[in-house]
Amino acid sequence: MIFKPVERLLAFRYLRARREEGFISVIAWFSFAGITLGVATLIIVMSVMNGFRTELINRILGLNGHIGVFSATSEPLKDYDRLALKLAELPNVIAATPQVQGQVMASSSRGQAGAVVRGVAWSDLAARKPLWDSLSQQAIAAFRDDKHILIGETMAFRLGLKLGDKLTLLSASGRTTAFGSIPTKRTFTIGGLFKVGMHEYDNSFIFMPLSQAQSFFHLPEAVSGIEVYSDAPLKIGFLRNAITVSLGSKYRQFDWQERNKSFLNALNVERNVMFIILTLIILVAAFNIVSSMIMLVRSKNADIAVLRSMGASSAMVMRVFLITGASIGMIGTFVGTVIGLLFCWQIDNIKQIIEGLSGAELFSAEIYYLSKLPAIIDPAEVLMVVFMALVLSLIASLYPAWRASYIAPAEVLRYE
């Protein structure tokens, strides 16, 4: 053992301050509370940000392919069936789905809203798992008939629509005539509502049968591009290379990381900044440990002198006060870790309780794009936070312990 039993005994006795040392005890309790809150807050915030990032990426990837393949000349893809079949045969490819995409103005008797139309075959809906899971069998059957469209529940609520209602779509890409381009305007029947849990998609996306979308956007026998879904989205670079080798330079491609590069970078920067800011809480608590330990050493000068005169070495005195200061950090770190983990496991229930008591919405879906507050605990991050808190606590205890070990017994006892 590094520390002897007598050293641990003295250290834990010094942690229990006597009445005349009440102020020192108060500072020690503040140090303990600071370490606890700092560790708990850091674990909670990092877990929430991990959950936010993971849920958001899963929903983005659920409705968008991991790689989009388009013509290098920005022209529509005409031989898309052959290309989709060729892409589907590549390793790690789950599905390759042709898609027509365009922007429209959607209008009903209740109002108007901008929307994004995606035309896909009904058999390709299953590749978009969040969308497929939110659809009823009736909605899938209506979409399969090539006469009905699917819209998000949020859009339906905003425009006052329900199943079976009519929705008018206006597209700027219309027919070219002698008098110029005439916008395309058609009315469609709503065959189903979806809710993927991401506000942006539920509020502005419309799914249309592929043949209807080709006719609406004047792309006969052509599509805008092909969405490729992979079983290894985190290793998308290998699939990009395989697609380049297979298709050549006639086609360009964008993977999900490239499409959302600025968004992912913003998430990473925010996460790193929050980690640095919250680490300052633990650092402030470590400074409190320094101040409380220095005051404790000053009040124990006589005890230290007696120990030294009885044969205790300076190293032993240093270890006693090192244990005393480090114990505050160790216990605070343990309690903070437990509180942080419990909070993460029950965070959605806690959010609902706070919202019920305060009457305020803490997590708006319109702002954060998600319907519930997620939290994913990363064991490596938790261990890093625990290690950092313990190291800071140990470093904070070094200087006071070193000062205690250099107290001269003769100088102290001369005035006792």
Protein backbone atom coordinates (compact mmCIF):
# COMPACT_ATOMS: atom_id res chain seq x y z
CA MET A 1 0.00 0.00 0.00
CA ILE A 2 1.21 3.51 -0.81
CA PHE A 3 -0.45 5.01 2.28
CA LYS A 4 -0.09 3.51 5.74
CA PRO A 5 -3.10 2.94 8.05
CA VAL A 6 -2.01 5.64 10.47
CA GLU A 7 -1.76 8.14 7.63
CA ARG A 8 -5.28 7.32 6.47
CA LEU A 9 -6.55 7.53 10.04
CA LEU A 10 -5.12 11.02 10.56
CA ALA A 11 -6.30 12.21 7.15
CA PHE A 12 -9.92 11.16 7.70
CA ARG A 13 -9.87 12.65 11.22
CA TYR A 14 -8.79 15.98 9.76
CA LEU A 15 -11.71 15.81 7.35
CA ARG A 16 -14.06 15.92 10.36
CA ALA A 17 -13.37 19.47 11.48
CA ARG A 18 -13.94 20.44 15.09
CA ARG A 19 -16.16 23.32 16.22
CA GLU A 20 -13.37 25.87 16.18
CA GLU A 21 -12.54 24.84 12.60
CA GLY A 22 -16.07 25.29 11.31
CA PHE A 23 -15.11 27.82 8.62
CA ILE A 24 -12.55 25.38 7.19
CA SER A 25 -15.25 22.72 7.09
CA VAL A 26 -17.58 25.06 5.20
CA ILE A 27 -14.92 25.69 2.53
CA ALA A 28 -14.27 21.94 2.27
CA TRP A 29 -18.00 21.33 1.78
CA PHE A 30 -18.10 23.95 -0.96
CA SER A 31 -15.14 22.23 -2.61
CA PHE A 32 -16.95 18.90 -2.41
CA ALA A 33 -20.15 20.43 -3.84
CA GLY A 34 -18.18 22.09 -6.66
CA ILE A 35 -16.48 18.85 -7.69
CA THR A 36 -19.80 16.97 -7.50
CA LEU A 37 -21.74 19.49 -9.57
CA GLY A 38 -18.91 19.90 -12.06
CA VAL A 39 -18.57 16.17 -12.74
CA ALA A 40 -22.35 15.61 -12.85
CA THR A 41 -22.94 18.57 -15.16
CA LEU A 42 -20.12 17.58 -17.49
CA ILE A 43 -21.42 14.00 -17.78
CA ILE A 44 -25.01 15.16 -18.35
CA VAL A 45 -24.16 17.80 -20.95
CA MET A 46 -21.76 15.57 -22.90
CA SER A 47 -24.29 12.68 -22.87
CA VAL A 48 -27.09 14.95 -24.08
CA MET A 49 -24.90 16.31 -26.86
CA ASN A 50 -23.90 12.77 -27.85
CA GLY A 51 -27.55 11.77 -27.94
CA PHE A 52 -28.52 14.90 -29.84
CA ARG A 53 -25.84 14.30 -32.45
CA THR A 54 -26.58 10.58 -32.84
CA GLU A 55 -30.36 10.98 -33.05
CA LEU A 56 -30.08 13.85 -35.48
CA ILE A 57 -27.66 11.99 -37.77
CA ASN A 58 -29.78 8.82 -37.64
CA ARG A 59 -32.85 10.76 -38.70
CA ILE A 60 -30.95 12.60 -41.44
CA LEU A 61 -29.55 9.33 -42.74
CA GLY A 62 -32.91 7.64 -42.36
CA LEU A 63 -34.51 9.81 -45.03
CA ASN A 64 -31.41 10.59 -47.08
CA GLY A 65 -29.05 8.18 -48.75
CA HIS A 66 -25.53 7.82 -47.45
CA ILE A 67 -24.29 8.73 -50.95
CA GLY A 68 -26.11 10.63 -53.67
CA VAL A 69 -25.11 9.85 -57.26
CA PHE A 70 -25.83 12.47 -59.94
CA SER A 71 -24.84 13.24 -63.49
CA ALA A 72 -21.57 15.16 -63.81
CA THR A 73 -23.30 17.58 -66.21
CA SER A 74 -26.23 18.25 -63.80
CA GLU A 75 -28.57 16.66 -66.33
CA PRO A 76 -31.28 14.17 -65.22
CA LEU A 77 -30.29 10.51 -65.12
CA LYS A 78 -32.08 8.61 -67.88
CA ASP A 79 -30.60 5.12 -67.61
CA TYR A 80 -31.33 5.02 -63.90
CA ASP A 81 -32.59 1.41 -63.64
CA ARG A 82 -29.29 0.04 -64.95
CA LEU A 83 -27.27 2.38 -62.72
CA ALA A 84 -29.30 1.48 -59.63
CA LEU A 85 -28.81 -2.23 -60.31
CA LYS A 86 -25.08 -1.74 -60.82
CA LEU A 87 -24.76 0.24 -57.59
CA ALA A 88 -26.79 -2.30 -55.62
CA GLU A 89 -24.26 -5.00 -56.53
CA LEU A 90 -21.37 -3.15 -54.86
CA PRO A 91 -20.12 -4.33 -51.44
CA ASN A 92 -21.75 -2.79 -48.33
CA VAL A 93 -24.67 -1.40 -50.37
CA ILE A 94 -28.09 -2.08 -48.85
CA ALA A 95 -30.17 -0.31 -51.48
CA ALA A 96 -29.87 2.08 -54.44
CA THR A 97 -33.07 4.03 -54.98
CA PRO A 98 -33.80 6.39 -57.92
CA GLN A 99 -35.32 9.67 -56.78
CA VAL A 100 -36.90 12.80 -58.23
CA GLN A 101 -36.60 15.89 -56.06
CA GLY A 102 -37.91 19.42 -56.44
CA GLN A 103 -39.20 22.40 -54.51
CA VAL A 104 -42.85 23.41 -54.59
CA MET A 105 -45.37 25.72 -53.00
CA ALA A 106 -48.02 23.69 -51.19
CA SER A 107 -51.38 25.35 -50.62
CA SER A 108 -54.68 24.47 -49.02
CA SER A 109 -57.74 26.39 -47.88
CA ARG A 110 -55.93 27.08 -44.57
CA GLY A 111 -52.69 28.50 -45.96
CA GLN A 112 -49.54 28.01 -47.96
CA ALA A 113 -46.08 26.64 -47.23
CA GLY A 114 -42.87 25.89 -49.07
CA ALA A 115 -42.10 22.18 -49.36
CA VAL A 116 -39.67 19.66 -50.82
CA VAL A 117 -41.13 16.91 -52.99
CA ARG A 118 -39.36 13.59 -53.28
CA GLY A 119 -40.58 11.12 -55.84
CA VAL A 120 -39.70 7.49 -55.06
CA ALA A 121 -41.05 4.07 -55.91
CA TRP A 122 -43.23 2.56 -53.18
CA SER A 123 -40.89 -0.43 -52.90
CA ASP A 124 -38.03 1.95 -52.05
CA LEU A 125 -39.82 3.42 -49.03
CA ALA A 126 -38.52 0.55 -46.88
CA ALA A 127 -34.94 1.81 -47.35
CA ARG A 128 -35.99 4.94 -45.43
CA LYS A 129 -36.59 3.16 -42.16
CA PRO A 130 -37.88 6.08 -40.01
CA LEU A 131 -40.39 6.92 -42.75
CA TRP A 132 -41.43 3.29 -43.32
CA ASP A 133 -41.91 2.64 -39.58
CA SER A 134 -44.18 5.67 -39.20
CA LEU A 135 -46.53 4.69 -42.05
CA SER A 136 -49.65 2.59 -41.69
CA GLN A 137 -50.50 -0.24 -44.08
CA GLN A 138 -53.31 1.91 -45.45
CA ALA A 139 -50.87 4.73 -46.26
CA ILE A 140 -48.45 2.33 -47.97
CA ALA A 141 -51.27 0.85 -50.04
CA ALA A 142 -52.49 4.31 -51.06
CA PHE A 143 -48.97 5.33 -52.09
CA ARG A 144 -48.59 2.08 -54.07
CA ASP A 145 -51.62 3.01 -56.20
CA ASP A 146 -49.60 5.93 -57.69
CA LYS A 147 -52.40 8.37 -56.92
CA HIS A 148 -51.72 9.55 -53.38
CA ILE A 149 -48.97 11.48 -51.65
CA LEU A 150 -47.51 11.36 -48.13
CA ILE A 151 -46.98 14.46 -46.01
CA GLY A 152 -45.64 15.08 -42.51
CA GLU A 153 -47.99 15.42 -39.57
CA THR A 154 -46.64 18.87 -38.73
CA MET A 155 -47.33 20.13 -42.24
CA ALA A 156 -50.80 18.58 -42.15
CA PHE A 157 -51.56 20.34 -38.86
CA ARG A 158 -50.21 23.67 -40.13
CA LEU A 159 -52.27 23.52 -43.33
CA GLY A 160 -55.35 22.02 -41.66
CA LEU A 161 -55.24 18.78 -43.65
CA LYS A 162 -56.19 15.20 -42.93
CA LEU A 163 -56.30 11.88 -44.77
CA GLY A 164 -58.25 12.11 -48.02
CA ASP A 165 -57.97 15.90 -48.33
CA LYS A 166 -56.64 17.65 -51.43
CA LEU A 167 -53.30 19.49 -51.55
CA THR A 168 -52.33 21.77 -54.43
CA LEU A 169 -48.67 21.88 -55.46
CA LEU A 170 -47.11 24.59 -57.61
CA SER A 171 -43.68 24.03 -59.19
CA ALA A 172 -41.57 26.70 -60.86
CA SER A 173 -40.10 24.13 -63.27
CA GLY A 174 -42.92 24.01 -65.78
CA ARG A 175 -43.46 23.56 -69.48
CA THR A 176 -41.56 25.75 -71.93
CA THR A 177 -43.81 27.52 -74.44
CA ALA A 178 -43.50 30.32 -76.95
CA PHE A 179 -44.50 32.72 -74.19
CA GLY A 180 -41.94 31.40 -71.71
CA SER A 181 -41.99 28.84 -68.94
CA ILE A 182 -45.40 28.03 -67.44
CA PRO A 183 -45.35 26.77 -63.83
CA THR A 184 -46.89 23.38 -63.16
CA LYS A 185 -49.88 23.28 -60.83
CA ARG A 186 -51.64 20.09 -59.79
CA THR A 187 -53.84 18.82 -57.00
CA PHE A 188 -53.06 15.58 -55.17
CA THR A 189 -54.88 13.46 -52.61
CA ILE A 190 -53.25 12.86 -49.23
CA GLY A 191 -52.95 9.12 -48.72
CA GLY A 192 -50.92 9.04 -45.50
CA LEU A 193 -49.22 11.03 -42.77
CA PHE A 194 -45.75 10.36 -41.41
CA LYS A 195 -43.86 11.47 -38.33
CA VAL A 196 -40.14 10.67 -38.35
CA GLY A 197 -39.42 12.65 -35.17
CA MET A 198 -37.45 15.40 -36.88
CA HIS A 199 -39.37 18.64 -37.14
CA GLU A 200 -37.74 19.84 -40.36
CA TYR A 201 -38.84 16.73 -42.28
CA ASP A 202 -42.27 16.46 -40.66
CA ASN A 203 -42.93 20.09 -41.53
CA SER A 204 -41.66 20.46 -45.10
CA PHE A 205 -41.28 17.09 -46.90
CA ILE A 206 -43.76 15.49 -49.30
CA PHE A 207 -43.28 11.99 -50.74
CA MET A 208 -44.83 11.29 -54.13
CA PRO A 209 -44.93 8.15 -56.29
CA LEU A 210 -42.02 8.15 -58.72
CA SER A 211 -44.16 8.13 -61.88
CA GLN A 212 -46.25 11.03 -60.60
CA ALA A 213 -43.13 13.04 -59.69
CA GLN A 214 -41.60 12.42 -63.12
CA SER A 215 -44.75 13.73 -64.77
CA PHE A 216 -45.10 16.68 -62.38
CA PHE A 217 -41.50 17.87 -62.79
CA HIS A 218 -41.44 17.06 -66.54
CA LEU A 219 -38.75 14.36 -66.29
CA PRO A 220 -40.12 11.55 -68.46
CA GLU A 221 -38.10 8.35 -68.03
CA ALA A 222 -35.51 10.22 -65.90
CA VAL A 223 -34.70 10.97 -62.28
CA SER A 224 -32.77 13.64 -60.41
CA GLY A 225 -30.34 11.17 -58.87
CA ILE A 226 -29.85 7.87 -57.09
CA GLU A 227 -29.64 7.55 -53.31
CA VAL A 228 -27.29 4.80 -52.12
CA TYR A 229 -27.71 3.29 -48.65
CA SER A 230 -24.77 1.56 -46.97
CA ASP A 231 -24.49 -0.78 -43.99
CA ALA A 232 -21.26 1.01 -42.95
CA PRO A 233 -22.04 4.77 -43.05
CA LEU A 234 -19.06 5.64 -40.84
CA LYS A 235 -16.71 4.10 -43.44
CA ILE A 236 -18.35 5.76 -46.39
CA GLY A 237 -15.01 6.61 -48.04
CA PHE A 238 -14.48 3.00 -49.15
CA LEU A 239 -17.87 2.94 -50.87
CA ARG A 240 -17.19 6.25 -52.59
CA ASN A 241 -13.99 4.82 -54.07
CA ALA A 242 -15.84 1.71 -55.21
CA ILE A 243 -18.54 3.81 -56.91
CA THR A 244 -15.91 5.93 -58.66
CA VAL A 245 -14.18 2.81 -60.00
CA SER A 246 -17.50 1.26 -61.06
CA LEU A 247 -19.15 4.28 -62.73
CA GLY A 248 -16.19 6.36 -63.84
CA SER A 249 -16.01 10.14 -64.15
CA LYS A 250 -19.39 10.63 -65.85
CA TYR A 251 -21.11 10.82 -62.50
CA ARG A 252 -20.51 12.91 -59.39
CA GLN A 253 -21.34 11.86 -55.87
CA PHE A 254 -21.87 13.46 -52.47
CA ASP A 255 -21.73 11.43 -49.25
CA TRP A 256 -23.67 12.28 -46.10
CA GLN A 257 -20.63 13.77 -44.37
CA GLU A 258 -19.98 16.13 -47.28
CA ARG A 259 -23.65 17.12 -47.50
CA ASN A 260 -23.81 17.97 -43.80
CA LYS A 261 -20.22 19.12 -43.33
CA SER A 262 -20.98 22.57 -41.90
CA PHE A 263 -23.67 21.15 -39.66
CA LEU A 264 -21.42 18.40 -38.27
CA ASN A 265 -18.57 20.86 -37.76
CA ALA A 266 -20.89 23.16 -35.82
CA LEU A 267 -21.91 20.27 -33.57
CA ASN A 268 -18.29 19.34 -32.90
CA VAL A 269 -17.26 22.92 -32.15
CA GLU A 270 -20.21 23.38 -29.79
CA ARG A 271 -19.40 20.12 -28.04
CA ASN A 272 -15.74 21.01 -27.53
CA VAL A 273 -16.55 24.50 -26.28
CA MET A 274 -19.11 23.17 -23.80
CA PHE A 275 -16.56 20.67 -22.51
CA ILE A 276 -13.99 23.42 -21.90
CA ILE A 277 -16.50 25.75 -20.23
CA LEU A 278 -17.86 23.08 -17.90
CA THR A 279 -14.36 21.90 -17.01
CA LEU A 280 -13.86 25.34 -15.44
CA ILE A 281 -16.43 24.37 -12.78
CA ILE A 282 -14.18 21.52 -11.67
CA LEU A 283 -11.15 23.81 -11.85
CA VAL A 284 -12.81 26.38 -9.56
CA ALA A 285 -13.68 23.61 -7.12
CA ALA A 286 -10.02 22.50 -7.21
CA PHE A 287 -8.96 26.05 -6.20
CA ASN A 288 -11.37 25.78 -3.27
CA ILE A 289 -9.57 22.61 -2.23
CA VAL A 290 -6.29 24.52 -2.26
CA SER A 291 -7.64 27.29 -0.02
CA SER A 292 -9.34 24.93 2.44
CA MET A 293 -6.23 22.74 2.70
CA ILE A 294 -3.93 25.72 3.29
CA MET A 295 -6.21 26.89 6.12
CA LEU A 296 -6.32 23.36 7.52
CA VAL A 297 -2.53 23.12 7.50
CA ARG A 298 -2.28 26.46 9.30
CA SER A 299 -4.69 25.29 11.99
CA LYS A 300 -2.81 21.98 12.44
CA ASN A 301 0.68 23.43 12.87
CA ALA A 302 0.90 22.18 16.46
CA ASP A 303 -0.28 18.69 15.49
CA ILE A 304 2.27 18.55 12.70
CA ALA A 305 5.06 19.66 15.04
CA VAL A 306 4.12 16.96 17.59
CA LEU A 307 4.08 14.30 14.88
CA ARG A 308 7.46 15.39 13.59
CA SER A 309 8.94 15.42 17.11
CA MET A 310 7.60 11.87 17.63
CA GLY A 311 9.53 10.66 14.59
CA ALA A 312 7.14 11.19 11.70
CA SER A 313 8.98 12.02 8.50
CA SER A 314 8.17 14.97 6.29
CA ALA A 315 7.03 12.50 3.61
CA MET A 316 4.52 10.98 6.02
CA VAL A 317 3.09 14.43 6.90
CA MET A 318 2.86 15.23 3.21
CA ARG A 319 0.97 12.00 2.50
CA VAL A 320 -1.49 12.70 5.35
CA PHE A 321 -2.56 16.04 3.92
CA LEU A 322 -2.42 14.70 0.37
CA ILE A 323 -4.97 12.07 1.36
CA THR A 324 -7.10 14.71 3.08
CA GLY A 325 -7.31 16.97 0.02
CA ALA A 326 -7.57 14.17 -2.53
CA SER A 327 -10.38 12.51 -0.56
CA ILE A 328 -12.59 15.56 -1.08
CA GLY A 329 -12.06 15.25 -4.83
CA MET A 330 -12.47 11.48 -4.88
CA ILE A 331 -15.73 11.45 -2.92
CA GLY A 332 -17.07 14.43 -4.89
CA THR A 333 -16.15 12.75 -8.17
CA PHE A 334 -17.88 9.50 -7.17
CA VAL A 335 -21.06 11.25 -6.03
CA GLY A 336 -21.07 13.48 -9.13
CA THR A 337 -20.66 10.48 -11.42
CA VAL A 338 -23.58 8.67 -9.80
CA ILE A 339 -25.80 11.77 -10.00
CA GLY A 340 -24.82 12.39 -13.62
CA LEU A 341 -25.54 8.82 -14.71
CA LEU A 342 -28.88 8.68 -12.88
CA PHE A 343 -29.88 12.01 -14.40
CA CYS A 344 -29.02 10.79 -17.91
CA TRP A 345 -31.03 7.58 -17.49
CA GLN A 346 -34.12 9.52 -16.39
CA ILE A 347 -33.55 12.77 -18.28
CA ASP A 348 -36.77 12.73 -20.30
CA ASN A 349 -38.90 12.09 -17.19
CA ILE A 350 -37.02 14.85 -15.33
CA LYS A 351 -37.62 17.21 -18.26
CA GLN A 352 -41.34 16.50 -18.18
CA ILE A 353 -41.50 17.07 -14.42
CA ILE A 354 -39.67 20.41 -14.71
CA GLU A 355 -41.90 21.51 -17.60
CA GLY A 356 -44.98 20.53 -15.57
CA LEU A 357 -43.83 22.54 -12.55
CA SER A 358 -42.58 25.60 -14.44
CA GLY A 359 -45.10 25.62 -17.29
CA ALA A 360 -42.27 26.41 -19.75
CA GLU A 361 -41.13 24.31 -22.71
CA LEU A 362 -37.49 23.39 -22.15
CA PHE A 363 -36.87 21.52 -25.39
CA SER A 364 -38.69 22.96 -28.39
CA ALA A 365 -38.93 20.63 -31.39
CA GLU A 366 -38.98 23.61 -33.75
CA ILE A 367 -35.56 24.71 -32.50
CA TYR A 368 -33.78 21.41 -31.82
CA TYR A 369 -35.41 19.36 -34.64
CA LEU A 370 -36.10 16.41 -32.28
CA SER A 371 -39.30 15.41 -30.51
CA LYS A 372 -37.67 14.26 -27.26
CA LEU A 373 -34.50 14.95 -25.29
CA PRO A 374 -31.95 12.17 -25.98
CA ALA A 375 -28.95 11.21 -23.87
CA ILE A 376 -26.31 8.62 -24.82
CA ILE A 377 -23.66 7.82 -22.23
CA ASP A 378 -20.20 7.25 -23.66
CA PRO A 379 -18.17 5.15 -21.13
CA ALA A 380 -14.89 6.53 -22.51
CA GLU A 381 -16.03 10.11 -21.93
CA VAL A 382 -17.25 9.31 -18.41
CA LEU A 383 -13.87 7.77 -17.57
CA MET A 384 -12.11 10.81 -19.02
CA VAL A 385 -14.20 13.17 -16.86
CA VAL A 386 -13.57 11.05 -13.74
CA PHE A 387 -9.84 10.89 -14.46
CA MET A 388 -9.64 14.64 -15.06
CA ALA A 389 -11.48 15.43 -11.81
CA LEU A 390 -9.26 13.09 -9.81
CA VAL A 391 -6.07 14.51 -11.32
CA LEU A 392 -7.15 18.11 -10.66
CA SER A 393 -8.03 17.23 -7.07
CA LEU A 394 -4.66 15.54 -6.57
CA ILE A 395 -2.77 18.47 -8.08
CA ALA A 396 -4.75 20.91 -5.90
CA SER A 397 -3.66 18.98 -2.79
CA LEU A 398 0.04 18.89 -3.64
CA TYR A 399 1.04 22.43 -2.64
CA PRO A 400 -0.71 22.49 0.79
CA ALA A 401 0.70 19.01 1.56
CA TRP A 402 4.17 20.15 0.57
CA ARG A 403 3.86 23.21 2.83
CA ALA A 404 2.83 20.98 5.73
CA SER A 405 5.85 18.73 5.27
CA TYR A 406 8.25 21.70 5.61
CA ILE A 407 6.93 22.98 8.95
CA ALA A 408 9.78 23.12 11.51
CA PRO A 409 8.70 21.51 14.85
CA ALA A 410 11.05 23.67 16.95
CA GLU A 411 9.67 26.93 15.58
CA VAL A 412 6.06 25.88 16.21
CA LEU A 413 6.51 24.33 19.67
CA ARG A 414 8.54 27.28 20.96
CA TYR A 415 5.33 29.31 21.34
CA GLU A 416 3.07 26.52 22.60
